[in-house]
Amino acid sequence: MKKSLFFTLFLLLLTGLALAQTGLKKRRPLPHEYGRVELNNFSEKAGRAPVVFDHWLHRAKFTCRLCHVDIGFAMQAGSTGIAAADNERGYYCGACHNGRTSFAACSTKDQPATGTCDRCHSAGKKVTRHYDFRAFTEKLPRGRFGNGIDWEQAEAEGSITPVDFLAGVSIKREALTPQKDFDLTAKVAGMPEIIFSHQKHTVWNGCELCHPEIFLGVKKGKTQYSMTEIYEGKYCGVCHSSVAFPLIDCQRCHIKPVR
């Protein structure tokens, strides 16, 4: 009996290890879903539907640095802990959604949900969006994965002009001179080398978004990391796993042929 039980447990362990090693292929998000974040720290407790935040709409209007450095949103969904009272006081979403720059975000007053509430608190609801993804992105340059938009090209050609300064929140400062592009040797034999462009990243991120919290070292080769860590959402994977463009778009980074 004991041997039979032990053998059963052993088989279950092997099966679990096999599944952990091979994994299961997940459904890729549709273009309008890519980068979508659901926020529910306080919403359902307050009798509201969770907030649905679409990165595609906001990244077309604002730089990543403005939201994640100046305004102070954490890079991990739900970890900021935004409450209605914060928005009312002009923090986080309320920095823009104040009724002047854009529609007012939230109120701590006990009131019935309105159409304005549904613009954000829309999870599980049939809500008519004020911005339709297909109409909004129709004339933007195409990309292969993620949102299906080449956001870098869209910014370069002037199709979008992301705002990088918010009065009363940002401080005026002279931009630093972008460092030169450099190559990174791939750790897999035959894989094209990576060309990293500081100039491209500083347009969206500045310096502060990446250094020192994501990349401690500011000298090439100082921070050591692997593709496994990137797939786990660390280093480059903080953005290039769910928002910037997905990691399956290998040729966006690995572009220098090996000689």
C-alpha atoms as a PDB file:
ATOM      1  CA  MET A   1       0.000   0.000   0.000  1.00  0.00           C
ATOM      2  CA  LYS A   2       2.776   2.386   0.969  1.00  0.00           C
ATOM      3  CA  LYS A   3       4.745   1.504  -2.177  1.00  0.00           C
ATOM      4  CA  SER A   4       1.683   2.130  -4.335  1.00  0.00           C
ATOM      5  CA  LEU A   5       1.057   5.497  -2.674  1.00  0.00           C
ATOM      6  CA  PHE A   6       4.719   6.476  -3.044  1.00  0.00           C
ATOM      7  CA  PHE A   7       4.711   5.476  -6.738  1.00  0.00           C
ATOM      8  CA  THR A   8       1.536   7.538  -7.352  1.00  0.00           C
ATOM      9  CA  LEU A   9       3.042  10.599  -5.681  1.00  0.00           C
ATOM     10  CA  PHE A  10       6.253  10.120  -7.658  1.00  0.00           C
ATOM     11  CA  LEU A  11       4.308  10.065 -10.952  1.00  0.00           C
ATOM     12  CA  LEU A  12       2.417  13.214  -9.967  1.00  0.00           C
ATOM     13  CA  LEU A  13       5.710  14.939  -9.152  1.00  0.00           C
ATOM     14  CA  LEU A  14       7.199  13.962 -12.520  1.00  0.00           C
ATOM     15  CA  THR A  15       4.079  15.185 -14.312  1.00  0.00           C
ATOM     16  CA  GLY A  16       4.256  18.503 -12.471  1.00  0.00           C
ATOM     17  CA  LEU A  17       7.921  18.934 -13.342  1.00  0.00           C
ATOM     18  CA  ALA A  18       7.249  18.121 -16.985  1.00  0.00           C
ATOM     19  CA  LEU A  19       4.483  20.720 -17.186  1.00  0.00           C
ATOM     20  CA  ALA A  20       6.696  23.265 -15.448  1.00  0.00           C
ATOM     21  CA  GLN A  21       9.447  22.648 -17.997  1.00  0.00           C
ATOM     22  CA  THR A  22       7.329  22.636 -21.160  1.00  0.00           C
ATOM     23  CA  GLY A  23       4.623  25.060 -20.108  1.00  0.00           C
ATOM     24  CA  LEU A  24       1.480  25.801 -22.066  1.00  0.00           C
ATOM     25  CA  LYS A  25       1.218  28.282 -24.912  1.00  0.00           C
ATOM     26  CA  LYS A  26      -1.021  31.132 -23.839  1.00  0.00           C
ATOM     27  CA  ARG A  27      -3.424  33.068 -26.007  1.00  0.00           C
ATOM     28  CA  ARG A  28      -1.808  36.218 -27.291  1.00  0.00           C
ATOM     29  CA  PRO A  29      -3.758  39.361 -26.424  1.00  0.00           C
ATOM     30  CA  LEU A  30      -5.523  41.027 -29.319  1.00  0.00           C
ATOM     31  CA  PRO A  31      -3.981  44.324 -30.513  1.00  0.00           C
ATOM     32  CA  HIS A  32      -6.410  46.473 -28.521  1.00  0.00           C
ATOM     33  CA  GLU A  33      -5.859  44.308 -25.424  1.00  0.00           C
ATOM     34  CA  TYR A  34      -2.053  44.426 -25.451  1.00  0.00           C
ATOM     35  CA  GLY A  35      -0.764  46.438 -22.497  1.00  0.00           C
ATOM     36  CA  ARG A  36      -4.189  46.489 -20.837  1.00  0.00           C
ATOM     37  CA  VAL A  37      -4.116  46.649 -17.045  1.00  0.00           C
ATOM     38  CA  GLU A  38      -6.971  45.980 -14.640  1.00  0.00           C
ATOM     39  CA  LEU A  39      -6.921  47.867 -11.329  1.00  0.00           C
ATOM     40  CA  ASN A  40      -9.007  46.604  -8.453  1.00  0.00           C
ATOM     41  CA  ASN A  41      -7.332  47.531  -5.165  1.00  0.00           C
ATOM     42  CA  PHE A  42     -10.390  49.441  -3.961  1.00  0.00           C
ATOM     43  CA  SER A  43     -12.943  49.487  -6.793  1.00  0.00           C
ATOM     44  CA  GLU A  44     -15.145  46.495  -5.946  1.00  0.00           C
ATOM     45  CA  LYS A  45     -14.922  47.302  -2.234  1.00  0.00           C
ATOM     46  CA  ALA A  46     -16.460  50.679  -3.093  1.00  0.00           C
ATOM     47  CA  GLY A  47     -19.180  49.106  -5.225  1.00  0.00           C
ATOM     48  CA  ARG A  48     -17.558  49.964  -8.552  1.00  0.00           C
ATOM     49  CA  ALA A  49     -16.307  47.742 -11.375  1.00  0.00           C
ATOM     50  CA  PRO A  50     -12.519  47.390 -11.642  1.00  0.00           C
ATOM     51  CA  VAL A  51     -10.696  50.033 -13.694  1.00  0.00           C
ATOM     52  CA  VAL A  52      -9.561  49.070 -17.189  1.00  0.00           C
ATOM     53  CA  PHE A  53      -6.470  51.012 -18.235  1.00  0.00           C
ATOM     54  CA  ASP A  54      -5.366  50.893 -21.875  1.00  0.00           C
ATOM     55  CA  HIS A  55      -1.696  51.726 -22.397  1.00  0.00           C
ATOM     56  CA  TRP A  56      -2.179  52.213 -26.161  1.00  0.00           C
ATOM     57  CA  LEU A  57      -4.296  55.330 -25.663  1.00  0.00           C
ATOM     58  CA  HIS A  58      -2.091  56.929 -23.020  1.00  0.00           C
ATOM     59  CA  ARG A  59       1.243  56.110 -24.666  1.00  0.00           C
ATOM     60  CA  ALA A  60       0.065  57.939 -27.772  1.00  0.00           C
ATOM     61  CA  LYS A  61      -0.461  61.073 -25.675  1.00  0.00           C
ATOM     62  CA  PHE A  62       2.186  60.946 -22.922  1.00  0.00           C
ATOM     63  CA  THR A  63       5.703  59.625 -22.437  1.00  0.00           C
ATOM     64  CA  CYS A  64       6.285  56.692 -20.125  1.00  0.00           C
ATOM     65  CA  ARG A  65       8.617  58.896 -18.055  1.00  0.00           C
ATOM     66  CA  LEU A  66       5.923  61.493 -17.337  1.00  0.00           C
ATOM     67  CA  CYS A  67       3.565  58.919 -15.828  1.00  0.00           C
ATOM     68  CA  HIS A  68       6.050  56.590 -14.140  1.00  0.00           C
ATOM     69  CA  VAL A  69       8.554  59.166 -12.858  1.00  0.00           C
ATOM     70  CA  ASP A  70       6.914  62.578 -12.485  1.00  0.00           C
ATOM     71  CA  ILE A  71       3.417  61.387 -11.557  1.00  0.00           C
ATOM     72  CA  GLY A  72       4.756  58.318  -9.767  1.00  0.00           C
ATOM     73  CA  PHE A  73       2.898  55.273 -11.065  1.00  0.00           C
ATOM     74  CA  ALA A  74       4.680  52.037 -10.134  1.00  0.00           C
ATOM     75  CA  MET A  75       5.729  49.766 -12.989  1.00  0.00           C
ATOM     76  CA  GLN A  76       3.786  46.784 -11.659  1.00  0.00           C
ATOM     77  CA  ALA A  77       0.012  46.751 -11.991  1.00  0.00           C
ATOM     78  CA  GLY A  78      -1.829  47.292  -8.712  1.00  0.00           C
ATOM     79  CA  SER A  79       1.259  48.101  -6.646  1.00  0.00           C
ATOM     80  CA  THR A  80       0.645  51.876  -6.568  1.00  0.00           C
ATOM     81  CA  GLY A  81      -2.529  51.444  -4.541  1.00  0.00           C
ATOM     82  CA  ILE A  82      -4.479  54.357  -6.045  1.00  0.00           C
ATOM     83  CA  ALA A  83      -7.585  55.395  -4.100  1.00  0.00           C
ATOM     84  CA  ALA A  84     -10.351  57.832  -5.064  1.00  0.00           C
ATOM     85  CA  ALA A  85      -9.103  60.237  -2.389  1.00  0.00           C
ATOM     86  CA  ASP A  86      -5.678  60.341  -4.065  1.00  0.00           C
ATOM     87  CA  ASN A  87      -7.248  61.258  -7.406  1.00  0.00           C
ATOM     88  CA  GLU A  88      -9.401  63.937  -5.786  1.00  0.00           C
ATOM     89  CA  ARG A  89      -6.274  65.560  -4.350  1.00  0.00           C
ATOM     90  CA  GLY A  90      -4.609  65.659  -7.759  1.00  0.00           C
ATOM     91  CA  TYR A  91      -2.310  62.650  -7.432  1.00  0.00           C
ATOM     92  CA  TYR A  92      -1.892  59.785  -9.916  1.00  0.00           C
ATOM     93  CA  CYS A  93      -4.859  59.725 -12.364  1.00  0.00           C
ATOM     94  CA  GLY A  94      -6.074  62.970 -10.787  1.00  0.00           C
ATOM     95  CA  ALA A  95      -2.972  64.804 -12.009  1.00  0.00           C
ATOM     96  CA  CYS A  96      -4.645  64.983 -15.443  1.00  0.00           C
ATOM     97  CA  HIS A  97      -8.189  63.768 -14.806  1.00  0.00           C
ATOM     98  CA  ASN A  98      -9.124  66.794 -12.742  1.00  0.00           C
ATOM     99  CA  GLY A  99     -12.022  68.238 -14.734  1.00  0.00           C
ATOM    100  CA  ARG A 100      -9.750  70.810 -16.387  1.00  0.00           C
ATOM    101  CA  THR A 101      -7.041  68.958 -18.306  1.00  0.00           C
ATOM    102  CA  SER A 102      -9.359  66.000 -18.803  1.00  0.00           C
ATOM    103  CA  PHE A 103     -12.551  64.621 -17.283  1.00  0.00           C
ATOM    104  CA  ALA A 104     -12.505  64.272 -13.496  1.00  0.00           C
ATOM    105  CA  ALA A 105     -11.422  60.858 -12.302  1.00  0.00           C
ATOM    106  CA  CYS A 106     -13.101  59.915  -9.017  1.00  0.00           C
ATOM    107  CA  SER A 107     -15.026  61.200  -6.056  1.00  0.00           C
ATOM    108  CA  THR A 108     -15.115  59.928  -2.483  1.00  0.00           C
ATOM    109  CA  LYS A 109     -18.697  61.128  -2.149  1.00  0.00           C
ATOM    110  CA  ASP A 110     -21.341  58.409  -2.057  1.00  0.00           C
ATOM    111  CA  GLN A 111     -23.071  58.793  -5.403  1.00  0.00           C
ATOM    112  CA  PRO A 112     -24.530  56.519  -8.098  1.00  0.00           C
ATOM    113  CA  ALA A 113     -22.286  55.443 -10.929  1.00  0.00           C
ATOM    114  CA  THR A 114     -22.442  57.682 -13.992  1.00  0.00           C
ATOM    115  CA  GLY A 115     -21.330  57.442 -17.600  1.00  0.00           C
ATOM    116  CA  THR A 116     -18.140  59.240 -16.598  1.00  0.00           C
ATOM    117  CA  CYS A 117     -17.421  56.564 -13.980  1.00  0.00           C
ATOM    118  CA  ASP A 118     -17.833  53.880 -16.643  1.00  0.00           C
ATOM    119  CA  ARG A 119     -15.083  55.448 -18.762  1.00  0.00           C
ATOM    120  CA  CYS A 120     -12.599  53.917 -16.311  1.00  0.00           C
ATOM    121  CA  HIS A 121     -14.576  51.483 -14.131  1.00  0.00           C
ATOM    122  CA  SER A 122     -15.559  49.340 -17.083  1.00  0.00           C
ATOM    123  CA  ALA A 123     -14.366  45.780 -16.383  1.00  0.00           C
ATOM    124  CA  GLY A 124     -17.121  43.311 -17.270  1.00  0.00           C
ATOM    125  CA  LYS A 125     -19.355  46.034 -18.681  1.00  0.00           C
ATOM    126  CA  LYS A 126     -20.501  46.764 -22.209  1.00  0.00           C
ATOM    127  CA  VAL A 127     -19.143  50.274 -22.457  1.00  0.00           C
ATOM    128  CA  THR A 128     -18.942  52.351 -25.632  1.00  0.00           C
ATOM    129  CA  ARG A 129     -15.389  53.662 -25.713  1.00  0.00           C
ATOM    130  CA  HIS A 130     -14.782  57.338 -26.417  1.00  0.00           C
ATOM    131  CA  TYR A 131     -11.690  56.268 -28.343  1.00  0.00           C
ATOM    132  CA  ASP A 132     -12.087  53.333 -30.690  1.00  0.00           C
ATOM    133  CA  PHE A 133      -8.802  51.450 -31.112  1.00  0.00           C
ATOM    134  CA  ARG A 134      -9.168  50.763 -34.826  1.00  0.00           C
ATOM    135  CA  ALA A 135     -10.197  54.325 -35.674  1.00  0.00           C
ATOM    136  CA  PHE A 136      -7.515  55.832 -33.432  1.00  0.00           C
ATOM    137  CA  THR A 137      -4.673  53.732 -34.870  1.00  0.00           C
ATOM    138  CA  GLU A 138      -5.866  53.567 -38.490  1.00  0.00           C
ATOM    139  CA  LYS A 139      -3.200  55.923 -39.869  1.00  0.00           C
ATOM    140  CA  LEU A 140      -0.356  54.916 -37.548  1.00  0.00           C
ATOM    141  CA  PRO A 141       2.561  52.858 -38.944  1.00  0.00           C
ATOM    142  CA  ARG A 142       2.100  49.123 -38.595  1.00  0.00           C
ATOM    143  CA  GLY A 143       4.091  46.807 -36.336  1.00  0.00           C
ATOM    144  CA  ARG A 144       4.159  43.022 -36.233  1.00  0.00           C
ATOM    145  CA  PHE A 145       3.230  42.223 -32.658  1.00  0.00           C
ATOM    146  CA  GLY A 146       1.749  43.753 -29.525  1.00  0.00           C
ATOM    147  CA  ASN A 147      -0.653  46.534 -30.485  1.00  0.00           C
ATOM    148  CA  GLY A 148       0.296  46.027 -34.128  1.00  0.00           C
ATOM    149  CA  ILE A 149       1.642  49.600 -34.093  1.00  0.00           C
ATOM    150  CA  ASP A 150       5.248  50.740 -34.533  1.00  0.00           C
ATOM    151  CA  TRP A 151       5.091  53.392 -31.803  1.00  0.00           C
ATOM    152  CA  GLU A 152       8.716  54.372 -32.263  1.00  0.00           C
ATOM    153  CA  GLN A 153       8.135  55.126 -35.943  1.00  0.00           C
ATOM    154  CA  ALA A 154       4.874  56.920 -35.131  1.00  0.00           C
ATOM    155  CA  GLU A 155       6.760  59.270 -32.797  1.00  0.00           C
ATOM    156  CA  ALA A 156       9.649  59.735 -35.231  1.00  0.00           C
ATOM    157  CA  GLU A 157       7.381  60.755 -38.122  1.00  0.00           C
ATOM    158  CA  GLY A 158       5.207  63.006 -35.974  1.00  0.00           C
ATOM    159  CA  SER A 159       2.034  60.895 -36.121  1.00  0.00           C
ATOM    160  CA  ILE A 160       1.990  61.125 -32.330  1.00  0.00           C
ATOM    161  CA  THR A 161       3.650  63.743 -30.098  1.00  0.00           C
ATOM    162  CA  PRO A 162       3.779  62.373 -26.524  1.00  0.00           C
ATOM    163  CA  VAL A 163       3.735  65.093 -23.849  1.00  0.00           C
ATOM    164  CA  ASP A 164       6.687  64.947 -21.439  1.00  0.00           C
ATOM    165  CA  PHE A 165       5.856  67.870 -19.124  1.00  0.00           C
ATOM    166  CA  LEU A 166       2.920  68.452 -16.793  1.00  0.00           C
ATOM    167  CA  ALA A 167       2.609  71.872 -15.160  1.00  0.00           C
ATOM    168  CA  GLY A 168       2.601  71.697 -11.376  1.00  0.00           C
ATOM    169  CA  VAL A 169       4.066  68.202 -11.413  1.00  0.00           C
ATOM    170  CA  SER A 170       7.131  68.147 -13.674  1.00  0.00           C
ATOM    171  CA  ILE A 171      10.201  70.341 -13.263  1.00  0.00           C
ATOM    172  CA  LYS A 172      11.924  72.085 -16.141  1.00  0.00           C
ATOM    173  CA  ARG A 173      15.391  70.736 -16.769  1.00  0.00           C
ATOM    174  CA  GLU A 174      17.787  70.601 -19.654  1.00  0.00           C
ATOM    175  CA  ALA A 175      17.882  67.272 -21.431  1.00  0.00           C
ATOM    176  CA  LEU A 176      21.046  65.233 -21.043  1.00  0.00           C
ATOM    177  CA  THR A 177      23.049  64.403 -24.138  1.00  0.00           C
ATOM    178  CA  PRO A 178      21.992  60.888 -25.237  1.00  0.00           C
ATOM    179  CA  GLN A 179      24.743  58.303 -25.014  1.00  0.00           C
ATOM    180  CA  LYS A 180      25.861  56.564 -28.181  1.00  0.00           C
ATOM    181  CA  ASP A 181      24.267  53.316 -29.346  1.00  0.00           C
ATOM    182  CA  PHE A 182      26.163  50.193 -28.372  1.00  0.00           C
ATOM    183  CA  ASP A 183      26.023  46.497 -29.145  1.00  0.00           C
ATOM    184  CA  LEU A 184      25.554  43.639 -26.704  1.00  0.00           C
ATOM    185  CA  THR A 185      26.844  40.181 -27.508  1.00  0.00           C
ATOM    186  CA  ALA A 186      24.137  37.519 -27.479  1.00  0.00           C
ATOM    187  CA  LYS A 187      24.808  34.562 -25.203  1.00  0.00           C
ATOM    188  CA  VAL A 188      23.425  32.037 -27.699  1.00  0.00           C
ATOM    189  CA  ALA A 189      25.799  31.046 -30.495  1.00  0.00           C
ATOM    190  CA  GLY A 190      24.742  32.407 -33.891  1.00  0.00           C
ATOM    191  CA  MET A 191      22.119  34.784 -32.461  1.00  0.00           C
ATOM    192  CA  PRO A 192      22.428  38.325 -33.883  1.00  0.00           C
ATOM    193  CA  GLU A 193      23.891  40.864 -31.496  1.00  0.00           C
ATOM    194  CA  ILE A 194      21.708  43.415 -29.767  1.00  0.00           C
ATOM    195  CA  ILE A 195      21.914  47.079 -30.720  1.00  0.00           C
ATOM    196  CA  PHE A 196      20.740  49.233 -27.828  1.00  0.00           C
ATOM    197  CA  SER A 197      19.827  52.834 -28.602  1.00  0.00           C
ATOM    198  CA  HIS A 198      19.881  55.319 -25.734  1.00  0.00           C
ATOM    199  CA  GLN A 199      18.489  57.978 -28.042  1.00  0.00           C
ATOM    200  CA  LYS A 200      15.337  55.972 -28.772  1.00  0.00           C
ATOM    201  CA  HIS A 201      14.795  55.129 -25.119  1.00  0.00           C
ATOM    202  CA  THR A 202      15.407  58.632 -23.762  1.00  0.00           C
ATOM    203  CA  VAL A 203      12.576  59.995 -25.934  1.00  0.00           C
ATOM    204  CA  TRP A 204      10.098  57.853 -24.013  1.00  0.00           C
ATOM    205  CA  ASN A 205      11.837  57.093 -20.723  1.00  0.00           C
ATOM    206  CA  GLY A 206      14.379  59.787 -20.037  1.00  0.00           C
ATOM    207  CA  CYS A 207      17.169  58.409 -17.877  1.00  0.00           C
ATOM    208  CA  GLU A 208      15.297  58.198 -14.583  1.00  0.00           C
ATOM    209  CA  LEU A 209      12.841  55.482 -15.547  1.00  0.00           C
ATOM    210  CA  CYS A 210      15.603  52.920 -16.148  1.00  0.00           C
ATOM    211  CA  HIS A 211      18.410  54.081 -13.838  1.00  0.00           C
ATOM    212  CA  PRO A 212      19.003  53.172 -11.079  1.00  0.00           C
ATOM    213  CA  GLU A 213      15.923  51.137 -10.172  1.00  0.00           C
ATOM    214  CA  ILE A 214      15.859  48.807 -13.193  1.00  0.00           C
ATOM    215  CA  PHE A 215      19.504  48.996 -14.296  1.00  0.00           C
ATOM    216  CA  LEU A 216      21.760  49.826 -11.361  1.00  0.00           C
ATOM    217  CA  GLY A 217      24.920  50.206 -13.402  1.00  0.00           C
ATOM    218  CA  VAL A 218      25.294  53.047 -15.899  1.00  0.00           C
ATOM    219  CA  LYS A 219      28.331  51.566 -17.621  1.00  0.00           C
ATOM    220  CA  LYS A 220      28.053  48.989 -20.402  1.00  0.00           C
ATOM    221  CA  GLY A 221      28.363  45.458 -19.017  1.00  0.00           C
ATOM    222  CA  LYS A 222      28.089  46.546 -15.380  1.00  0.00           C
ATOM    223  CA  THR A 223      24.633  45.005 -14.891  1.00  0.00           C
ATOM    224  CA  GLN A 224      24.578  41.285 -15.662  1.00  0.00           C
ATOM    225  CA  TYR A 225      21.310  39.677 -16.711  1.00  0.00           C
ATOM    226  CA  SER A 226      19.979  36.817 -18.810  1.00  0.00           C
ATOM    227  CA  MET A 227      17.070  36.165 -21.162  1.00  0.00           C
ATOM    228  CA  THR A 228      15.528  34.012 -18.452  1.00  0.00           C
ATOM    229  CA  GLU A 229      15.408  37.043 -16.150  1.00  0.00           C
ATOM    230  CA  ILE A 230      14.022  39.200 -18.954  1.00  0.00           C
ATOM    231  CA  TYR A 231      11.244  36.635 -19.548  1.00  0.00           C
ATOM    232  CA  GLU A 232      10.545  36.812 -15.807  1.00  0.00           C
ATOM    233  CA  GLY A 233       9.820  40.527 -16.183  1.00  0.00           C
ATOM    234  CA  LYS A 234      13.144  41.881 -14.944  1.00  0.00           C
ATOM    235  CA  TYR A 235      15.509  44.375 -16.607  1.00  0.00           C
ATOM    236  CA  CYS A 236      14.396  44.833 -20.256  1.00  0.00           C
ATOM    237  CA  GLY A 237      11.399  42.627 -19.457  1.00  0.00           C
ATOM    238  CA  VAL A 238       9.899  45.264 -17.144  1.00  0.00           C
ATOM    239  CA  CYS A 239       8.563  46.958 -20.301  1.00  0.00           C
ATOM    240  CA  HIS A 240       9.303  44.490 -23.089  1.00  0.00           C
ATOM    241  CA  SER A 241       7.000  41.776 -21.895  1.00  0.00           C
ATOM    242  CA  SER A 242       3.604  43.391 -21.720  1.00  0.00           C
ATOM    243  CA  VAL A 243       3.663  47.042 -22.826  1.00  0.00           C
ATOM    244  CA  ALA A 244       6.463  48.267 -25.126  1.00  0.00           C
ATOM    245  CA  PHE A 245       6.546  45.399 -27.619  1.00  0.00           C
ATOM    246  CA  PRO A 246       6.536  41.676 -26.771  1.00  0.00           C
ATOM    247  CA  LEU A 247       9.653  39.542 -26.451  1.00  0.00           C
ATOM    248  CA  ILE A 248       8.596  37.367 -29.386  1.00  0.00           C
ATOM    249  CA  ASP A 249       9.642  40.245 -31.659  1.00  0.00           C
ATOM    250  CA  CYS A 250      13.284  39.148 -31.461  1.00  0.00           C
ATOM    251  CA  GLN A 251      14.476  41.118 -34.494  1.00  0.00           C
ATOM    252  CA  ARG A 252      13.591  44.441 -32.886  1.00  0.00           C
ATOM    253  CA  CYS A 253      16.624  44.022 -30.590  1.00  0.00           C
ATOM    254  CA  HIS A 254      18.790  41.300 -32.131  1.00  0.00           C
ATOM    255  CA  ILE A 255      19.578  43.141 -35.361  1.00  0.00           C
ATOM    256  CA  LYS A 256      23.346  43.086 -35.838  1.00  0.00           C
ATOM    257  CA  PRO A 257      24.440  40.030 -37.905  1.00  0.00           C
ATOM    258  CA  VAL A 258      27.165  37.877 -36.374  1.00  0.00           C
ATOM    259  CA  ARG A 259      30.352  37.786 -38.499  1.00  0.00           C
END
